[in-house]
């Protein structure tokens, strides 16, 4: 259950949602079920070796769009159980507001700290009054702190004006993961930054957001476990240097990661920006780094043997694998 009263969701989130979070995938086994042991092992690596401060589960990276409701519920339970005191924000979005509320209530019972929902798409389709009706139904029915997930993958994006209205009308909206261009994030900060936690989830912008906008959390993407290895926490290192006021050295560490970003742009963010979820490449990248990875479900297409070799060569070239 949440560690705060419904009316305190925003203040709790402002006080506690901090540091580098990761959006994590579920590994599937040879029988096409969630591989629980492998998933728990991955979570332990994220916590014990990478010092990740929180987890976004069951979202785009988590392939919620190809999972049954029962799998999503079980995934939430495993995540919260293994994460322990490390906070979990569970993606509970659904085309059905009723299903979304049931997933959110189940997330709270499982121990999730917050819920997050991508923009409602079919039915709402970006109409402001429909979007507001969806979130009012959800926020009225749940005691959990709610984060907006403003992603264009739903076919539209929330405007800063609509975000402000949603925040004004629903006291439990405490955060937004604003997967939008920089100018849009700047406008959202002006609109609601005093009221809720605003996170631009792009690692390429994290230095600037942390140093100059005082963004309190990187919430969240796969970058923390794709770019970092045990005893080589580049992202954490430059973040800490920013917090110490050593911007020049922080930039040097950040700049040294550009070759890794180039590989990520090639395999992950470039395809993503063109509308293709690169989950097979992401999971192959994970496997090459010793994580579980595993197969993806249709309609995803596995990488070819030549593509896997090319990705392996790229990761070896930038020092992410030996």
Protein backbone atom coordinates (compact mmCIF):
# COMPACT_ATOMS: atom_id res chain seq x y z
CA UNK A 1 0.00 0.00 0.00
CA UNK A 2 1.08 3.58 -0.58
CA UNK A 3 3.06 5.19 2.24
CA UNK A 4 1.08 8.42 2.02
CA UNK A 5 -2.48 9.66 2.16
CA UNK A 6 -4.22 10.51 -1.10
CA UNK A 7 -4.13 14.22 -0.34
CA UNK A 8 -0.36 14.00 0.24
CA UNK A 9 0.54 12.32 -3.08
CA UNK A 10 2.16 15.43 -4.55
CA UNK A 11 4.19 16.40 -1.53
CA UNK A 12 5.35 12.80 -1.10
CA UNK A 13 6.39 12.56 -4.75
CA UNK A 14 8.23 15.89 -4.61
CA UNK A 15 10.11 14.71 -1.54
CA UNK A 16 10.88 11.15 -2.61
CA UNK A 17 11.01 10.69 -6.39
CA UNK A 18 14.69 11.44 -6.92
CA UNK A 19 17.75 10.19 -8.76
CA UNK A 20 18.12 7.87 -11.73
CA UNK A 21 15.23 5.52 -12.48
CA UNK A 22 15.05 2.88 -15.21
CA UNK A 23 12.26 1.64 -17.45
CA UNK A 24 12.78 -2.12 -17.45
CA UNK A 25 11.52 -4.98 -19.65
CA UNK A 26 10.12 -8.37 -18.77
CA UNK A 27 12.12 -11.36 -20.04
CA UNK A 28 10.06 -14.19 -21.52
CA UNK A 29 11.08 -17.85 -21.33
CA UNK A 30 11.01 -20.56 -23.99
CA UNK A 31 7.35 -21.22 -23.18
CA UNK A 32 6.47 -17.54 -23.75
CA UNK A 33 5.79 -16.81 -20.09
CA UNK A 34 7.40 -14.16 -17.89
CA UNK A 35 10.71 -15.67 -16.78
CA UNK A 36 10.37 -14.82 -13.10
CA UNK A 37 13.78 -16.04 -11.98
CA UNK A 38 15.55 -14.17 -14.78
CA UNK A 39 13.55 -11.01 -14.09
CA UNK A 40 14.38 -11.10 -10.39
CA UNK A 41 18.04 -11.58 -11.23
CA UNK A 42 17.95 -8.54 -13.51
CA UNK A 43 16.31 -6.41 -10.82
CA UNK A 44 19.00 -7.41 -8.34
CA UNK A 45 21.66 -6.32 -10.86
CA UNK A 46 19.92 -2.97 -11.35
CA UNK A 47 19.83 -2.36 -7.60
CA UNK A 48 23.02 -3.99 -6.32
CA UNK A 49 25.41 -3.21 -9.20
CA UNK A 50 23.96 -0.14 -10.93
CA UNK A 51 22.50 1.68 -7.92
CA UNK A 52 19.26 2.48 -9.76
CA UNK A 53 16.86 4.42 -7.53
CA UNK A 54 13.48 3.39 -8.95
CA UNK A 55 11.74 1.33 -11.61
CA UNK A 56 9.15 2.02 -14.29
CA UNK A 57 7.53 -1.36 -15.01
CA UNK A 58 5.00 -2.54 -17.56
CA UNK A 59 5.37 0.38 -19.95
CA UNK A 60 6.48 0.68 -23.57
CA UNK A 61 9.84 -0.92 -22.76
CA UNK A 62 7.91 -3.49 -20.71
CA UNK A 63 5.82 -4.50 -23.75
CA UNK A 64 2.48 -3.97 -21.99
CA UNK A 65 0.84 -3.79 -25.40
CA UNK A 66 1.44 -7.51 -26.06
CA UNK A 67 0.68 -8.83 -22.58
CA UNK A 68 -2.49 -10.23 -21.06
CA UNK A 69 -4.04 -8.53 -18.08
CA UNK A 70 -3.02 -11.48 -15.90
CA UNK A 71 0.59 -11.12 -17.00
CA UNK A 72 0.56 -7.41 -16.28
CA UNK A 73 -0.80 -8.05 -12.81
CA UNK A 74 1.79 -10.72 -12.10
CA UNK A 75 4.56 -8.54 -13.48
CA UNK A 76 3.62 -5.78 -11.05
CA UNK A 77 3.66 -8.22 -8.15
CA UNK A 78 7.10 -9.62 -8.99
CA UNK A 79 8.53 -6.14 -9.53
CA UNK A 80 7.36 -4.78 -6.20
CA UNK A 81 8.35 -7.90 -4.29
CA UNK A 82 11.91 -8.04 -5.64
CA UNK A 83 12.48 -4.27 -5.58
CA UNK A 84 11.61 -4.14 -1.89
CA UNK A 85 12.20 -0.63 -0.60
CA UNK A 86 13.22 0.66 -4.03
CA UNK A 87 10.18 2.50 -5.41
CA UNK A 88 8.20 1.17 -8.36
CA UNK A 89 5.98 3.16 -10.70
CA UNK A 90 3.68 0.74 -12.49
CA UNK A 91 2.26 1.50 -15.89
CA UNK A 92 -1.48 0.82 -15.66
CA UNK A 93 -2.66 2.46 -18.87
CA UNK A 94 -5.40 0.79 -20.87
CA UNK A 95 -7.96 1.72 -23.51
CA UNK A 96 -10.61 0.84 -20.92
CA UNK A 97 -10.78 3.25 -17.99
CA UNK A 98 -12.30 0.46 -15.89
CA UNK A 99 -9.40 -1.88 -16.65
CA UNK A 100 -6.94 0.94 -15.99
CA UNK A 101 -8.46 1.52 -12.57
CA UNK A 102 -8.37 -2.20 -11.74
CA UNK A 103 -4.70 -2.37 -12.76
CA UNK A 104 -3.96 0.71 -10.65
CA UNK A 105 -5.72 -0.68 -7.58
CA UNK A 106 -3.82 -3.96 -8.03
CA UNK A 107 -0.53 -2.05 -8.33
CA UNK A 108 -1.24 -0.31 -5.02
CA UNK A 109 -1.99 -3.65 -3.33
CA UNK A 110 1.20 -5.13 -4.76
CA UNK A 111 3.21 -2.32 -3.19
CA UNK A 112 3.80 0.09 -6.06
CA UNK A 113 4.65 3.61 -4.93
CA UNK A 114 2.92 5.29 -7.89
CA UNK A 115 1.03 4.44 -11.07
CA UNK A 116 1.70 5.96 -14.48
CA UNK A 117 -0.55 5.99 -17.51
CA UNK A 118 0.19 6.74 -21.15
CA UNK A 119 -2.24 9.10 -22.85
CA UNK A 120 -5.57 7.31 -23.39
CA UNK A 121 -5.82 6.64 -27.09
CA UNK A 122 -8.74 4.75 -28.65
CA UNK A 123 -11.90 6.51 -27.55
CA UNK A 124 -10.22 9.58 -26.12
CA UNK A 125 -8.13 10.19 -29.27
CA UNK A 126 -6.71 13.42 -27.91
CA UNK A 127 -10.01 15.22 -27.35
CA UNK A 128 -9.30 17.33 -24.22
CA UNK A 129 -12.67 16.73 -22.55
CA UNK A 130 -12.38 12.98 -23.08
CA UNK A 131 -8.82 12.91 -21.76
CA UNK A 132 -9.96 14.82 -18.69
CA UNK A 133 -12.90 12.44 -18.18
CA UNK A 134 -10.56 9.46 -18.33
CA UNK A 135 -8.18 10.82 -15.70
CA UNK A 136 -10.97 12.09 -13.45
CA UNK A 137 -12.48 8.58 -13.39
CA UNK A 138 -9.09 7.10 -12.54
CA UNK A 139 -8.01 9.67 -9.95
CA UNK A 140 -11.39 9.67 -8.22
CA UNK A 141 -11.28 5.89 -7.94
CA UNK A 142 -7.72 5.39 -6.73
CA UNK A 143 -5.69 6.58 -3.75
CA UNK A 144 -2.35 6.08 -5.53
CA UNK A 145 -0.28 8.99 -6.80
CA UNK A 146 -0.68 9.18 -10.57
CA UNK A 147 1.90 10.19 -13.16
CA UNK A 148 1.04 11.25 -16.69
CA UNK A 149 3.08 9.59 -19.44
CA UNK A 150 2.96 12.03 -22.32
CA UNK A 151 4.10 9.94 -25.26
CA UNK A 152 3.40 10.46 -28.92
CA UNK A 153 3.27 6.67 -29.33
CA UNK A 154 -0.42 7.00 -28.43
CA UNK A 155 -1.06 9.00 -31.60
CA UNK A 156 -1.10 12.44 -29.99
CA UNK A 157 0.56 14.47 -27.26
CA UNK A 158 -0.87 16.41 -24.34
CA UNK A 159 -0.43 20.16 -24.67
CA UNK A 160 1.05 22.12 -21.76
CA UNK A 161 -2.36 23.77 -21.34
CA UNK A 162 -4.16 20.43 -21.06
CA UNK A 163 -1.52 19.15 -18.65
CA UNK A 164 -2.09 22.20 -16.45
CA UNK A 165 -5.85 21.57 -16.47
CA UNK A 166 -5.39 17.90 -15.58
CA UNK A 167 -3.13 18.85 -12.67
CA UNK A 168 -5.53 21.53 -11.44
CA UNK A 169 -8.51 19.16 -11.54
CA UNK A 170 -6.92 16.02 -10.01
CA UNK A 171 -5.05 16.26 -6.72
CA UNK A 172 -3.34 12.87 -7.07
CA UNK A 173 -1.55 13.70 -10.32
CA UNK A 174 1.93 14.15 -8.89
CA UNK A 175 4.32 13.67 -11.80
CA UNK A 176 4.71 13.67 -15.56
CA UNK A 177 7.11 11.72 -17.73
CA UNK A 178 7.11 14.09 -20.66
CA UNK A 179 8.57 12.25 -23.65
CA UNK A 180 8.46 15.32 -25.85
CA UNK A 181 10.89 17.77 -27.49
CA UNK A 182 12.91 20.07 -25.27
CA UNK A 183 10.80 23.17 -25.96
CA UNK A 184 7.67 21.28 -24.90
CA UNK A 185 9.31 20.13 -21.66
CA UNK A 186 10.32 23.72 -20.94
CA UNK A 187 6.71 24.84 -21.40
CA UNK A 188 5.43 22.05 -19.16
CA UNK A 189 7.87 23.08 -16.41
CA UNK A 190 6.52 26.62 -16.60
CA UNK A 191 2.93 25.36 -16.51
CA UNK A 192 3.10 22.81 -13.67
CA UNK A 193 6.68 22.56 -12.41
CA UNK A 194 5.86 24.20 -9.10
CA UNK A 195 3.09 21.67 -8.45
CA UNK A 196 4.34 18.29 -9.67
CA UNK A 197 7.56 16.50 -10.58
CA UNK A 198 8.38 17.05 -14.27
CA UNK A 199 10.76 14.59 -15.92
CA UNK A 200 12.20 14.82 -19.41
CA UNK A 201 13.18 11.14 -19.90
CA UNK A 202 15.89 11.64 -22.53
CA UNK A 203 19.41 10.90 -21.32
CA UNK A 204 20.79 13.23 -24.00
CA UNK A 205 19.09 16.09 -22.13
CA UNK A 206 19.80 14.88 -18.58
CA UNK A 207 22.96 16.95 -18.05
CA UNK A 208 21.17 20.18 -18.96
CA UNK A 209 18.00 19.27 -17.08
CA UNK A 210 19.90 18.38 -13.93
CA UNK A 211 22.37 21.26 -14.04
CA UNK A 212 20.15 24.11 -15.17
CA UNK A 213 16.53 23.06 -14.58
CA UNK A 214 17.24 21.18 -11.32
CA UNK A 215 15.25 18.20 -12.60
CA UNK A 216 15.12 15.97 -9.54
CA UNK A 217 14.66 12.63 -11.26
CA UNK A 218 15.53 10.85 -14.47
CA UNK A 219 12.25 8.97 -14.86
CA UNK A 220 12.93 6.98 -16.95
CA UNK A 221 14.39 4.97 -19.81
CA UNK A 222 16.59 1.93 -20.47
CA UNK A 223 19.76 4.04 -20.65
CA UNK A 224 20.88 3.37 -17.02
CA UNK A 225 21.28 -0.37 -17.65
CA UNK A 226 22.29 -0.16 -21.33
CA UNK A 227 25.05 2.44 -20.85
CA UNK A 228 26.42 1.33 -17.48
CA UNK A 229 28.25 -1.69 -16.13
CA UNK A 230 29.16 -2.77 -12.63
CA UNK A 231 31.99 -0.50 -11.41
CA UNK A 232 31.57 1.76 -14.45
CA UNK A 233 28.56 3.94 -13.67
CA UNK A 234 29.12 6.75 -16.14
CA UNK A 235 25.63 8.22 -15.92
CA UNK A 236 25.65 8.20 -12.13
CA UNK A 237 29.15 9.69 -12.09
CA UNK A 238 28.34 12.75 -14.16
CA UNK A 239 25.09 13.22 -12.25
CA UNK A 240 26.98 13.27 -8.94
CA UNK A 241 29.52 15.72 -10.35
CA UNK A 242 26.69 18.05 -11.38
CA UNK A 243 25.27 17.87 -7.87
CA UNK A 244 28.70 18.72 -6.46
CA UNK A 245 28.83 21.81 -8.67
CA UNK A 246 31.66 20.47 -10.81
CA UNK A 247 30.02 21.08 -14.19
CA UNK A 248 33.23 21.07 -16.21
CA UNK A 249 34.27 17.60 -15.08
CA UNK A 250 30.66 16.41 -15.31
CA UNK A 251 30.55 17.52 -18.93
CA UNK A 252 33.84 15.73 -19.63
CA UNK A 253 32.39 12.46 -18.29
CA UNK A 254 29.14 13.06 -20.11
CA UNK A 255 30.93 13.91 -23.37
CA UNK A 256 33.01 10.73 -23.18
CA UNK A 257 29.76 8.74 -23.57
CA UNK A 258 29.01 10.11 -27.05
CA UNK A 259 30.20 6.96 -28.81
CA UNK A 260 27.74 4.94 -26.71
CA UNK A 261 24.99 7.40 -27.60
CA UNK A 262 25.81 6.94 -31.28
CA UNK A 263 25.30 3.19 -30.94
CA UNK A 264 22.07 3.78 -29.03
CA UNK A 265 20.85 6.17 -31.72
CA UNK A 266 21.57 3.55 -34.37
CA UNK A 267 19.82 0.66 -32.64
CA UNK A 268 17.34 2.15 -30.16
CA UNK A 269 16.39 5.82 -30.39
CA UNK A 270 16.66 6.26 -34.15
CA UNK A 271 14.22 3.42 -34.88
CA UNK A 272 12.02 4.58 -32.00
CA UNK A 273 11.77 8.09 -33.46
CA UNK A 274 10.66 6.54 -36.75
CA UNK A 275 7.79 4.74 -35.03
CA UNK A 276 9.32 1.28 -34.66
CA UNK A 277 9.62 -0.03 -31.09
CA UNK A 278 13.17 -1.46 -31.11
CA UNK A 279 12.49 -4.05 -28.41
CA UNK A 280 14.34 -6.94 -30.14
CA UNK A 281 17.47 -4.79 -30.42
CA UNK A 282 17.15 -3.63 -26.83
CA UNK A 283 16.77 -7.18 -25.51
CA UNK A 284 19.68 -8.41 -27.63
CA UNK A 285 21.80 -5.54 -26.27
CA UNK A 286 20.85 -6.66 -22.75
CA UNK A 287 21.79 -10.28 -23.44
CA UNK A 288 25.17 -9.23 -24.81
CA UNK A 289 25.78 -7.34 -21.55
CA UNK A 290 24.89 -10.39 -19.44
CA UNK A 291 21.29 -9.52 -18.62
CA UNK A 292 18.29 -11.69 -19.42
CA UNK A 293 16.92 -10.04 -22.54
CA UNK A 294 15.13 -12.90 -24.20
CA UNK A 295 12.66 -13.00 -27.06
CA UNK A 296 10.03 -10.44 -27.92
CA UNK A 297 6.49 -11.25 -28.99
CA UNK A 298 4.83 -10.70 -32.35
CA UNK A 299 4.52 -8.34 -34.10
CA UNK A 300 8.17 -7.71 -33.15
CA UNK A 301 10.69 -9.28 -35.55
CA UNK A 302 13.89 -10.79 -34.06
CA UNK A 303 17.25 -9.46 -35.20
CA UNK A 304 18.93 -11.50 -37.91
CA UNK A 305 22.20 -13.28 -37.19
CA UNK A 306 24.07 -10.59 -39.10
CA UNK A 307 22.33 -7.83 -37.13
CA UNK A 308 23.21 -9.51 -33.84
CA UNK A 309 26.86 -9.74 -34.88
CA UNK A 310 26.83 -6.09 -35.93
CA UNK A 311 25.32 -5.00 -32.61
CA UNK A 312 27.87 -7.10 -30.72
CA UNK A 313 30.69 -5.47 -32.68
CA UNK A 314 29.28 -2.01 -31.92
CA UNK A 315 29.02 -2.70 -28.18
CA UNK A 316 32.51 -4.13 -28.07
CA UNK A 317 33.89 -1.11 -29.91
CA UNK A 318 32.48 1.31 -27.29
CA UNK A 319 33.63 -0.80 -24.34
CA UNK A 320 30.30 -2.04 -23.07
CA UNK A 321 31.27 -5.68 -23.52
CA UNK A 322 34.70 -7.30 -23.39
